[in-house]
Amino acid sequence: MKPAPFTYHRPQSLNEALGLIAQLDNYKIIAGGQSLMPMMNFRFLMPDHVIDINLIKELSGITKEGNQLRIGAMTRQHAIHTSAIVQEAAPLITEAYSLVSHRQIRNRGTYGGSLCHLDPSSEQPCFTAALDGVIEVASQEGRREVPIAQWTAMYMTPDLASNEIMLGAKLNIWPVTHGWSFMEYARRHGDYAIVGVAVLVNLTKDSRIEKVSITLCGVDAAPVRLNMSETSLINQVADDAAIEVVMTEIENIPNIMEDALNTADYRRHLAKSLTRRAMNAAIVRAKQRNS
């Protein structure tokens, strides 16, 4: 199929783009177009205006600013995946991108496009949540920041007003001694995950948990941080008993989403299995880096 008729706009600057979205009705912003164009072709979406932000250079780029990594909204997924800055500062992201779709999609797809499309099974909101990301947005009225925990307004709907554009996100950098793991299960390589998990852990010299982050995707509309486990595991030995604490929290997650192919029980089973493996892998890496 072909999309319904629309008017195409190609602003050259952020100010021009903000002016367009302030005055136009029923518009869509196109970044990489890897999600938007199929939805328009099937006429799930029929905007009157399409605003192409590919020429706005200030929306792209990867920088390290103190203890934070900043990724611009228009940064291509392939650029993030292959970035030496990202590999050094946040290897969890590099590992996650190895599971994101296919090379052809990553060449065009953007970080901000994924966070605004906000598929519950997407790897990118998941690692953003794991790293306590803060989303930067702007309108003609000014700029604001939204913690990733508050970014999901509802299913596939970000906390982004109709007159706002996402600028990028700031992600926390963990100590060089930390371990990490991103794992998921999908029906085929490149498909969205049925369930995915991001784990970060930093250990003391005697293998006690100093800091831990555990995030699930594919179980709810927003990434799910296992905050109770993260708190209770501090100063605990990183062993099987610690992992069982996490299993208990996953068992008690209410209202896990389901669909025609995957029941809530199946997703819960996957979440427990993947988290167990990911925690073991992250702990091994942390011990190696501590030695």
C-alpha atoms as a PDB file:
ATOM      1  CA  MET A   1       0.000   0.000   0.000  1.00  0.00           C
ATOM      2  CA  LYS A   2       0.914   3.656  -0.246  1.00  0.00           C
ATOM      3  CA  PRO A   3       0.488   6.354   2.391  1.00  0.00           C
ATOM      4  CA  ALA A   4      -2.394   8.794   2.329  1.00  0.00           C
ATOM      5  CA  PRO A   5      -1.557  12.224   0.825  1.00  0.00           C
ATOM      6  CA  PHE A   6       0.456  14.550   3.069  1.00  0.00           C
ATOM      7  CA  THR A   7       2.497  17.741   2.924  1.00  0.00           C
ATOM      8  CA  TYR A   8       6.246  17.262   3.371  1.00  0.00           C
ATOM      9  CA  HIS A   9       8.353  19.719   5.417  1.00  0.00           C
ATOM     10  CA  ARG A  10      12.152  19.685   5.792  1.00  0.00           C
ATOM     11  CA  PRO A  11      13.300  22.228   8.398  1.00  0.00           C
ATOM     12  CA  GLN A  12      16.971  23.189   8.455  1.00  0.00           C
ATOM     13  CA  SER A  13      17.177  24.055  12.170  1.00  0.00           C
ATOM     14  CA  LEU A  14      15.639  23.166  15.505  1.00  0.00           C
ATOM     15  CA  ASN A  15      13.954  26.568  15.769  1.00  0.00           C
ATOM     16  CA  GLU A  16      12.354  26.092  12.349  1.00  0.00           C
ATOM     17  CA  ALA A  17      11.101  22.630  13.327  1.00  0.00           C
ATOM     18  CA  LEU A  18       9.685  23.920  16.616  1.00  0.00           C
ATOM     19  CA  GLY A  19       7.893  26.652  14.719  1.00  0.00           C
ATOM     20  CA  LEU A  20       6.308  24.129  12.372  1.00  0.00           C
ATOM     21  CA  ILE A  21       5.006  21.842  15.105  1.00  0.00           C
ATOM     22  CA  ALA A  22       3.626  24.832  16.997  1.00  0.00           C
ATOM     23  CA  GLN A  23       1.417  25.825  14.062  1.00  0.00           C
ATOM     24  CA  LEU A  24       0.580  22.557  12.249  1.00  0.00           C
ATOM     25  CA  ASP A  25      -2.183  20.107  13.140  1.00  0.00           C
ATOM     26  CA  ASN A  26      -2.095  16.329  12.598  1.00  0.00           C
ATOM     27  CA  TYR A  27       1.624  16.111  11.895  1.00  0.00           C
ATOM     28  CA  LYS A  28       4.195  13.379  12.369  1.00  0.00           C
ATOM     29  CA  ILE A  29       7.941  13.807  12.759  1.00  0.00           C
ATOM     30  CA  ILE A  30      10.081  11.482  10.658  1.00  0.00           C
ATOM     31  CA  ALA A  31      13.551  10.628  11.921  1.00  0.00           C
ATOM     32  CA  GLY A  32      14.796   7.287  10.572  1.00  0.00           C
ATOM     33  CA  GLY A  33      11.337   6.330   9.358  1.00  0.00           C
ATOM     34  CA  GLN A  34      11.811   2.648  10.149  1.00  0.00           C
ATOM     35  CA  SER A  35       8.614   2.526  12.215  1.00  0.00           C
ATOM     36  CA  LEU A  36       6.672   5.500  10.852  1.00  0.00           C
ATOM     37  CA  MET A  37       6.759   4.667   7.142  1.00  0.00           C
ATOM     38  CA  PRO A  38       5.370   1.111   7.454  1.00  0.00           C
ATOM     39  CA  MET A  39       2.567   2.444   9.667  1.00  0.00           C
ATOM     40  CA  MET A  40       1.786   5.148   7.098  1.00  0.00           C
ATOM     41  CA  ASN A  41       1.945   2.678   4.213  1.00  0.00           C
ATOM     42  CA  PHE A  42      -0.634   0.468   5.934  1.00  0.00           C
ATOM     43  CA  ARG A  43      -2.608   3.629   6.797  1.00  0.00           C
ATOM     44  CA  PHE A  44      -2.526   2.931  10.501  1.00  0.00           C
ATOM     45  CA  LEU A  45      -1.366   6.563  10.580  1.00  0.00           C
ATOM     46  CA  MET A  46      -2.588   9.256   8.169  1.00  0.00           C
ATOM     47  CA  PRO A  47      -0.904  12.553   9.036  1.00  0.00           C
ATOM     48  CA  ASP A  48      -1.636  15.699   7.050  1.00  0.00           C
ATOM     49  CA  HIS A  49       1.974  16.840   7.506  1.00  0.00           C
ATOM     50  CA  VAL A  50       5.291  14.994   7.761  1.00  0.00           C
ATOM     51  CA  ILE A  51       8.193  16.942   9.258  1.00  0.00           C
ATOM     52  CA  ASP A  52      11.616  15.543   8.320  1.00  0.00           C
ATOM     53  CA  ILE A  53      14.251  16.465  10.939  1.00  0.00           C
ATOM     54  CA  ASN A  54      17.210  14.738   9.258  1.00  0.00           C
ATOM     55  CA  LEU A  55      18.942  18.021   8.378  1.00  0.00           C
ATOM     56  CA  ILE A  56      19.001  19.308  11.972  1.00  0.00           C
ATOM     57  CA  LYS A  57      22.647  18.594  12.842  1.00  0.00           C
ATOM     58  CA  GLU A  58      22.364  19.688  16.467  1.00  0.00           C
ATOM     59  CA  LEU A  59      20.130  16.670  17.201  1.00  0.00           C
ATOM     60  CA  SER A  60      22.900  14.163  16.408  1.00  0.00           C
ATOM     61  CA  GLY A  61      26.038  13.156  18.238  1.00  0.00           C
ATOM     62  CA  ILE A  62      27.544  11.202  21.132  1.00  0.00           C
ATOM     63  CA  THR A  63      29.462  12.962  23.886  1.00  0.00           C
ATOM     64  CA  LYS A  64      30.824  12.094  27.305  1.00  0.00           C
ATOM     65  CA  GLU A  65      30.108  14.838  29.817  1.00  0.00           C
ATOM     66  CA  GLY A  66      31.567  14.055  33.236  1.00  0.00           C
ATOM     67  CA  ASN A  67      29.857  10.943  34.590  1.00  0.00           C
ATOM     68  CA  GLN A  68      27.187  11.001  31.895  1.00  0.00           C
ATOM     69  CA  LEU A  69      26.925   9.866  28.311  1.00  0.00           C
ATOM     70  CA  ARG A  70      24.758  12.061  26.065  1.00  0.00           C
ATOM     71  CA  ILE A  71      23.219  10.675  22.892  1.00  0.00           C
ATOM     72  CA  GLY A  72      21.393  12.975  20.479  1.00  0.00           C
ATOM     73  CA  ALA A  73      17.917  11.971  19.364  1.00  0.00           C
ATOM     74  CA  MET A  74      18.876  11.798  15.671  1.00  0.00           C
ATOM     75  CA  THR A  75      21.983   9.686  16.238  1.00  0.00           C
ATOM     76  CA  ARG A  76      21.833   6.608  14.020  1.00  0.00           C
ATOM     77  CA  GLN A  77      21.659   3.296  15.813  1.00  0.00           C
ATOM     78  CA  HIS A  78      24.632   1.967  13.841  1.00  0.00           C
ATOM     79  CA  ALA A  79      26.731   4.956  14.955  1.00  0.00           C
ATOM     80  CA  ILE A  80      25.898   4.207  18.595  1.00  0.00           C
ATOM     81  CA  HIS A  81      26.535   0.483  18.159  1.00  0.00           C
ATOM     82  CA  THR A  82      30.016   1.075  16.714  1.00  0.00           C
ATOM     83  CA  SER A  83      30.986   4.067  18.879  1.00  0.00           C
ATOM     84  CA  ALA A  84      34.252   3.695  20.817  1.00  0.00           C
ATOM     85  CA  ILE A  85      32.958   6.248  23.356  1.00  0.00           C
ATOM     86  CA  VAL A  86      29.865   4.131  24.017  1.00  0.00           C
ATOM     87  CA  GLN A  87      31.849   0.883  24.177  1.00  0.00           C
ATOM     88  CA  GLU A  88      34.150   2.342  26.820  1.00  0.00           C
ATOM     89  CA  ALA A  89      31.566   4.245  28.866  1.00  0.00           C
ATOM     90  CA  ALA A  90      28.516   1.962  28.589  1.00  0.00           C
ATOM     91  CA  PRO A  91      29.252  -1.471  27.090  1.00  0.00           C
ATOM     92  CA  LEU A  92      25.696  -2.531  27.981  1.00  0.00           C
ATOM     93  CA  ILE A  93      24.494  -0.302  25.120  1.00  0.00           C
ATOM     94  CA  THR A  94      26.865  -1.890  22.622  1.00  0.00           C
ATOM     95  CA  GLU A  95      25.688  -5.351  23.637  1.00  0.00           C
ATOM     96  CA  ALA A  96      22.036  -4.312  23.403  1.00  0.00           C
ATOM     97  CA  TYR A  97      22.468  -2.945  19.877  1.00  0.00           C
ATOM     98  CA  SER A  98      23.838  -6.266  18.694  1.00  0.00           C
ATOM     99  CA  LEU A  99      20.267  -7.524  19.243  1.00  0.00           C
ATOM    100  CA  VAL A 100      18.429  -4.560  17.681  1.00  0.00           C
ATOM    101  CA  SER A 101      16.781  -5.577  14.413  1.00  0.00           C
ATOM    102  CA  HIS A 102      19.177  -5.854  11.427  1.00  0.00           C
ATOM    103  CA  ARG A 103      22.101  -3.826  10.079  1.00  0.00           C
ATOM    104  CA  GLN A 104      19.958  -2.218   7.370  1.00  0.00           C
ATOM    105  CA  ILE A 105      17.480  -0.958   9.966  1.00  0.00           C
ATOM    106  CA  ARG A 106      20.207   0.285  12.321  1.00  0.00           C
ATOM    107  CA  ASN A 107      21.798   2.254   9.466  1.00  0.00           C
ATOM    108  CA  ARG A 108      18.715   4.478   9.248  1.00  0.00           C
ATOM    109  CA  GLY A 109      16.967   4.010  12.593  1.00  0.00           C
ATOM    110  CA  THR A 110      17.611   6.605  15.300  1.00  0.00           C
ATOM    111  CA  TYR A 111      17.860   6.491  19.062  1.00  0.00           C
ATOM    112  CA  GLY A 112      15.226   9.172  19.550  1.00  0.00           C
ATOM    113  CA  GLY A 113      12.886   7.560  17.053  1.00  0.00           C
ATOM    114  CA  SER A 114      12.872   4.379  19.125  1.00  0.00           C
ATOM    115  CA  LEU A 115      12.308   6.210  22.407  1.00  0.00           C
ATOM    116  CA  CYS A 116       9.401   8.146  20.915  1.00  0.00           C
ATOM    117  CA  HIS A 117       7.861   5.110  19.169  1.00  0.00           C
ATOM    118  CA  LEU A 118       8.229   3.351  22.544  1.00  0.00           C
ATOM    119  CA  ASP A 119       7.540  -0.261  21.659  1.00  0.00           C
ATOM    120  CA  PRO A 120       7.330  -2.201  24.975  1.00  0.00           C
ATOM    121  CA  SER A 121       9.789  -4.820  23.679  1.00  0.00           C
ATOM    122  CA  SER A 122      12.369  -2.384  22.315  1.00  0.00           C
ATOM    123  CA  GLU A 123      15.901  -2.697  23.621  1.00  0.00           C
ATOM    124  CA  GLN A 124      16.589   1.041  23.562  1.00  0.00           C
ATOM    125  CA  PRO A 125      14.101   2.227  26.207  1.00  0.00           C
ATOM    126  CA  CYS A 126      15.230  -0.771  28.280  1.00  0.00           C
ATOM    127  CA  PHE A 127      18.927   0.134  28.404  1.00  0.00           C
ATOM    128  CA  THR A 128      17.990   3.796  28.848  1.00  0.00           C
ATOM    129  CA  ALA A 129      16.001   2.831  31.954  1.00  0.00           C
ATOM    130  CA  ALA A 130      18.831   0.612  33.214  1.00  0.00           C
ATOM    131  CA  LEU A 131      21.214   3.579  33.008  1.00  0.00           C
ATOM    132  CA  ASP A 132      18.755   5.997  34.682  1.00  0.00           C
ATOM    133  CA  GLY A 133      18.377   8.033  31.516  1.00  0.00           C
ATOM    134  CA  VAL A 134      16.966  11.539  31.469  1.00  0.00           C
ATOM    135  CA  ILE A 135      15.206  12.613  28.272  1.00  0.00           C
ATOM    136  CA  GLU A 136      15.699  16.180  27.020  1.00  0.00           C
ATOM    137  CA  VAL A 137      12.812  17.795  25.120  1.00  0.00           C
ATOM    138  CA  ALA A 138      12.196  21.273  23.740  1.00  0.00           C
ATOM    139  CA  SER A 139       9.369  23.515  22.546  1.00  0.00           C
ATOM    140  CA  GLN A 140       9.186  27.192  21.655  1.00  0.00           C
ATOM    141  CA  GLU A 141       8.414  27.833  25.333  1.00  0.00           C
ATOM    142  CA  GLY A 142      11.704  26.304  26.497  1.00  0.00           C
ATOM    143  CA  ARG A 143      13.358  23.027  27.428  1.00  0.00           C
ATOM    144  CA  ARG A 144      12.654  20.412  30.071  1.00  0.00           C
ATOM    145  CA  GLU A 145      13.990  17.054  31.233  1.00  0.00           C
ATOM    146  CA  VAL A 146      11.969  13.900  31.815  1.00  0.00           C
ATOM    147  CA  PRO A 147      13.388  10.957  33.831  1.00  0.00           C
ATOM    148  CA  ILE A 148      12.962   7.725  31.891  1.00  0.00           C
ATOM    149  CA  ALA A 149      10.769   6.361  34.705  1.00  0.00           C
ATOM    150  CA  GLN A 150       8.214   9.065  33.810  1.00  0.00           C
ATOM    151  CA  TRP A 151       8.658   8.944  30.031  1.00  0.00           C
ATOM    152  CA  THR A 152       5.915   6.396  29.245  1.00  0.00           C
ATOM    153  CA  ALA A 153       2.535   8.133  29.441  1.00  0.00           C
ATOM    154  CA  MET A 154       0.652   5.063  28.190  1.00  0.00           C
ATOM    155  CA  TYR A 155       1.129   2.191  25.734  1.00  0.00           C
ATOM    156  CA  MET A 156       3.508   3.368  22.961  1.00  0.00           C
ATOM    157  CA  THR A 157       2.953   6.983  24.039  1.00  0.00           C
ATOM    158  CA  PRO A 158       5.816   9.073  25.469  1.00  0.00           C
ATOM    159  CA  ASP A 159       5.437  12.081  27.763  1.00  0.00           C
ATOM    160  CA  LEU A 160       5.932  14.423  24.823  1.00  0.00           C
ATOM    161  CA  ALA A 161       3.557  17.335  24.247  1.00  0.00           C
ATOM    162  CA  SER A 162       2.306  18.106  20.742  1.00  0.00           C
ATOM    163  CA  ASN A 163       4.573  21.158  20.561  1.00  0.00           C
ATOM    164  CA  GLU A 164       7.739  19.352  21.728  1.00  0.00           C
ATOM    165  CA  ILE A 165      10.644  17.566  20.063  1.00  0.00           C
ATOM    166  CA  MET A 166      12.998  15.122  21.771  1.00  0.00           C
ATOM    167  CA  LEU A 167      16.561  16.450  21.754  1.00  0.00           C
ATOM    168  CA  GLY A 168      18.447  13.513  23.250  1.00  0.00           C
ATOM    169  CA  ALA A 169      19.119  11.697  26.501  1.00  0.00           C
ATOM    170  CA  LYS A 170      21.698  11.720  29.275  1.00  0.00           C
ATOM    171  CA  LEU A 171      22.720   8.311  30.652  1.00  0.00           C
ATOM    172  CA  ASN A 172      24.693   7.554  33.799  1.00  0.00           C
ATOM    173  CA  ILE A 173      28.157   6.050  33.388  1.00  0.00           C
ATOM    174  CA  TRP A 174      28.978   3.212  35.779  1.00  0.00           C
ATOM    175  CA  PRO A 175      32.420   2.576  37.353  1.00  0.00           C
ATOM    176  CA  VAL A 176      34.965   0.863  35.096  1.00  0.00           C
ATOM    177  CA  THR A 177      34.843  -2.176  37.414  1.00  0.00           C
ATOM    178  CA  HIS A 178      31.168  -2.919  36.758  1.00  0.00           C
ATOM    179  CA  GLY A 179      29.790  -5.956  34.975  1.00  0.00           C
ATOM    180  CA  TRP A 180      26.929  -5.908  32.502  1.00  0.00           C
ATOM    181  CA  SER A 181      24.710  -8.137  30.407  1.00  0.00           C
ATOM    182  CA  PHE A 182      21.831  -7.599  27.981  1.00  0.00           C
ATOM    183  CA  MET A 183      19.886 -10.706  27.003  1.00  0.00           C
ATOM    184  CA  GLU A 184      16.595 -11.293  25.233  1.00  0.00           C
ATOM    185  CA  TYR A 185      14.507 -13.972  23.582  1.00  0.00           C
ATOM    186  CA  ALA A 186      12.835 -13.399  20.210  1.00  0.00           C
ATOM    187  CA  ARG A 187      11.176 -15.792  17.768  1.00  0.00           C
ATOM    188  CA  ARG A 188      13.740 -14.896  15.100  1.00  0.00           C
ATOM    189  CA  HIS A 189      16.965 -12.919  15.129  1.00  0.00           C
ATOM    190  CA  GLY A 190      16.106  -9.279  14.521  1.00  0.00           C
ATOM    191  CA  ASP A 191      12.523  -9.528  15.769  1.00  0.00           C
ATOM    192  CA  TYR A 192      11.384  -7.486  18.735  1.00  0.00           C
ATOM    193  CA  ALA A 193      12.095  -9.361  21.944  1.00  0.00           C
ATOM    194  CA  ILE A 194       9.307 -11.258  23.642  1.00  0.00           C
ATOM    195  CA  VAL A 195      11.193 -10.444  26.848  1.00  0.00           C
ATOM    196  CA  GLY A 196      14.548  -8.770  27.392  1.00  0.00           C
ATOM    197  CA  VAL A 197      16.675  -7.911  30.428  1.00  0.00           C
ATOM    198  CA  ALA A 198      19.456  -5.439  31.156  1.00  0.00           C
ATOM    199  CA  VAL A 199      21.686  -6.052  34.181  1.00  0.00           C
ATOM    200  CA  LEU A 200      24.466  -3.890  35.615  1.00  0.00           C
ATOM    201  CA  VAL A 201      26.365  -4.783  38.772  1.00  0.00           C
ATOM    202  CA  ASN A 202      29.328  -3.359  40.638  1.00  0.00           C
ATOM    203  CA  LEU A 203      31.058  -5.488  43.279  1.00  0.00           C
ATOM    204  CA  THR A 204      33.369  -4.882  46.193  1.00  0.00           C
ATOM    205  CA  LYS A 205      36.689  -6.702  46.378  1.00  0.00           C
ATOM    206  CA  ASP A 206      35.073  -9.445  48.486  1.00  0.00           C
ATOM    207  CA  SER A 207      32.335 -10.003  45.862  1.00  0.00           C
ATOM    208  CA  ARG A 208      29.564  -8.177  47.641  1.00  0.00           C
ATOM    209  CA  ILE A 209      27.066  -6.180  45.613  1.00  0.00           C
ATOM    210  CA  GLU A 210      27.854  -2.485  45.837  1.00  0.00           C
ATOM    211  CA  LYS A 211      25.353  -1.355  43.192  1.00  0.00           C
ATOM    212  CA  VAL A 212      22.972  -3.180  40.866  1.00  0.00           C
ATOM    213  CA  SER A 213      20.458  -2.294  38.152  1.00  0.00           C
ATOM    214  CA  ILE A 214      17.973  -4.831  36.749  1.00  0.00           C
ATOM    215  CA  THR A 215      15.494  -3.828  34.029  1.00  0.00           C
ATOM    216  CA  LEU A 216      12.980  -5.879  32.046  1.00  0.00           C
ATOM    217  CA  CYS A 217      11.336  -5.088  28.715  1.00  0.00           C
ATOM    218  CA  GLY A 218       8.421  -6.872  27.084  1.00  0.00           C
ATOM    219  CA  VAL A 219       6.451  -7.325  30.302  1.00  0.00           C
ATOM    220  CA  ASP A 220       4.690  -3.943  30.503  1.00  0.00           C
ATOM    221  CA  ALA A 221       4.158  -0.789  28.461  1.00  0.00           C
ATOM    222  CA  ALA A 222       7.256   0.744  30.059  1.00  0.00           C
ATOM    223  CA  PRO A 223      10.575  -0.866  31.044  1.00  0.00           C
ATOM    224  CA  VAL A 224      10.293  -2.426  34.510  1.00  0.00           C
ATOM    225  CA  ARG A 225      13.068  -1.717  37.016  1.00  0.00           C
ATOM    226  CA  LEU A 226      13.265  -4.278  39.826  1.00  0.00           C
ATOM    227  CA  ASN A 227      13.745  -1.634  42.490  1.00  0.00           C
ATOM    228  CA  MET A 228      12.985  -3.831  45.501  1.00  0.00           C
ATOM    229  CA  SER A 229      15.674  -6.327  44.532  1.00  0.00           C
ATOM    230  CA  GLU A 230      18.157  -3.578  43.719  1.00  0.00           C
ATOM    231  CA  THR A 231      17.747  -2.149  47.218  1.00  0.00           C
ATOM    232  CA  SER A 232      17.741  -5.417  49.152  1.00  0.00           C
ATOM    233  CA  LEU A 233      20.818  -6.816  47.381  1.00  0.00           C
ATOM    234  CA  ILE A 234      23.159  -4.032  48.490  1.00  0.00           C
ATOM    235  CA  ASN A 235      26.040  -5.528  50.557  1.00  0.00           C
ATOM    236  CA  GLN A 236      24.841  -9.063  49.802  1.00  0.00           C
ATOM    237  CA  VAL A 237      27.257 -11.650  48.408  1.00  0.00           C
ATOM    238  CA  ALA A 238      26.833 -12.009  44.657  1.00  0.00           C
ATOM    239  CA  ASP A 239      25.761 -15.650  44.608  1.00  0.00           C
ATOM    240  CA  ASP A 240      22.761 -17.860  43.831  1.00  0.00           C
ATOM    241  CA  ALA A 241      20.948 -16.683  46.964  1.00  0.00           C
ATOM    242  CA  ALA A 242      21.114 -13.109  45.731  1.00  0.00           C
ATOM    243  CA  ILE A 243      19.692 -14.144  42.375  1.00  0.00           C
ATOM    244  CA  GLU A 244      16.797 -15.910  44.101  1.00  0.00           C
ATOM    245  CA  VAL A 245      15.786 -12.578  45.640  1.00  0.00           C
ATOM    246  CA  VAL A 246      15.333 -11.242  42.111  1.00  0.00           C
ATOM    247  CA  MET A 247      13.371 -14.332  41.059  1.00  0.00           C
ATOM    248  CA  THR A 248      10.915 -13.668  43.882  1.00  0.00           C
ATOM    249  CA  GLU A 249      10.302 -10.101  42.731  1.00  0.00           C
ATOM    250  CA  ILE A 250       9.734 -11.230  39.131  1.00  0.00           C
ATOM    251  CA  GLU A 251       7.279 -13.859  40.362  1.00  0.00           C
ATOM    252  CA  ASN A 252       5.316 -11.091  42.083  1.00  0.00           C
ATOM    253  CA  ILE A 253       5.140  -8.651  39.144  1.00  0.00           C
ATOM    254  CA  PRO A 254       1.411  -7.985  38.609  1.00  0.00           C
ATOM    255  CA  ASN A 255      -0.376  -7.732  35.277  1.00  0.00           C
ATOM    256  CA  ILE A 256       2.350  -8.885  32.910  1.00  0.00           C
ATOM    257  CA  MET A 257       1.118  -8.155  29.409  1.00  0.00           C
ATOM    258  CA  GLU A 258       0.151 -10.926  27.008  1.00  0.00           C
ATOM    259  CA  ASP A 259      -0.903 -11.281  23.383  1.00  0.00           C
ATOM    260  CA  ALA A 260      -2.221 -13.901  20.973  1.00  0.00           C
ATOM    261  CA  LEU A 261       1.133 -15.706  20.902  1.00  0.00           C
ATOM    262  CA  ASN A 262       2.623 -15.196  24.363  1.00  0.00           C
ATOM    263  CA  THR A 263       0.818 -15.601  27.668  1.00  0.00           C
ATOM    264  CA  ALA A 264       1.680 -13.687  30.815  1.00  0.00           C
ATOM    265  CA  ASP A 265       2.944 -16.923  32.412  1.00  0.00           C
ATOM    266  CA  TYR A 266       5.267 -17.549  29.464  1.00  0.00           C
ATOM    267  CA  ARG A 267       6.639 -14.010  29.640  1.00  0.00           C
ATOM    268  CA  ARG A 268       7.195 -14.391  33.392  1.00  0.00           C
ATOM    269  CA  HIS A 269       9.049 -17.679  32.787  1.00  0.00           C
ATOM    270  CA  LEU A 270      11.248 -16.004  30.166  1.00  0.00           C
ATOM    271  CA  ALA A 271      11.899 -13.043  32.457  1.00  0.00           C
ATOM    272  CA  LYS A 272      13.135 -15.318  35.246  1.00  0.00           C
ATOM    273  CA  SER A 273      15.287 -17.483  32.969  1.00  0.00           C
ATOM    274  CA  LEU A 274      16.889 -14.556  31.144  1.00  0.00           C
ATOM    275  CA  THR A 275      17.477 -12.561  34.329  1.00  0.00           C
ATOM    276  CA  ARG A 276      19.184 -15.498  36.005  1.00  0.00           C
ATOM    277  CA  ARG A 277      21.543 -15.886  33.032  1.00  0.00           C
ATOM    278  CA  ALA A 278      22.148 -12.154  32.685  1.00  0.00           C
ATOM    279  CA  MET A 279      22.923 -11.702  36.366  1.00  0.00           C
ATOM    280  CA  ASN A 280      25.406 -14.565  36.308  1.00  0.00           C
ATOM    281  CA  ALA A 281      27.082 -13.107  33.214  1.00  0.00           C
ATOM    282  CA  ALA A 282      27.235  -9.599  34.719  1.00  0.00           C
ATOM    283  CA  ILE A 283      28.668 -10.921  37.992  1.00  0.00           C
ATOM    284  CA  VAL A 284      31.386 -12.859  36.138  1.00  0.00           C
ATOM    285  CA  ARG A 285      32.374  -9.743  34.206  1.00  0.00           C
ATOM    286  CA  ALA A 286      32.435  -7.638  37.383  1.00  0.00           C
ATOM    287  CA  LYS A 287      34.682 -10.171  39.108  1.00  0.00           C
ATOM    288  CA  GLN A 288      37.022 -10.233  36.115  1.00  0.00           C
ATOM    289  CA  ARG A 289      37.265  -6.447  36.106  1.00  0.00           C
ATOM    290  CA  ASN A 290      37.856  -6.375  39.857  1.00  0.00           C
ATOM    291  CA  SER A 291      40.696  -8.875  39.735  1.00  0.00           C
END
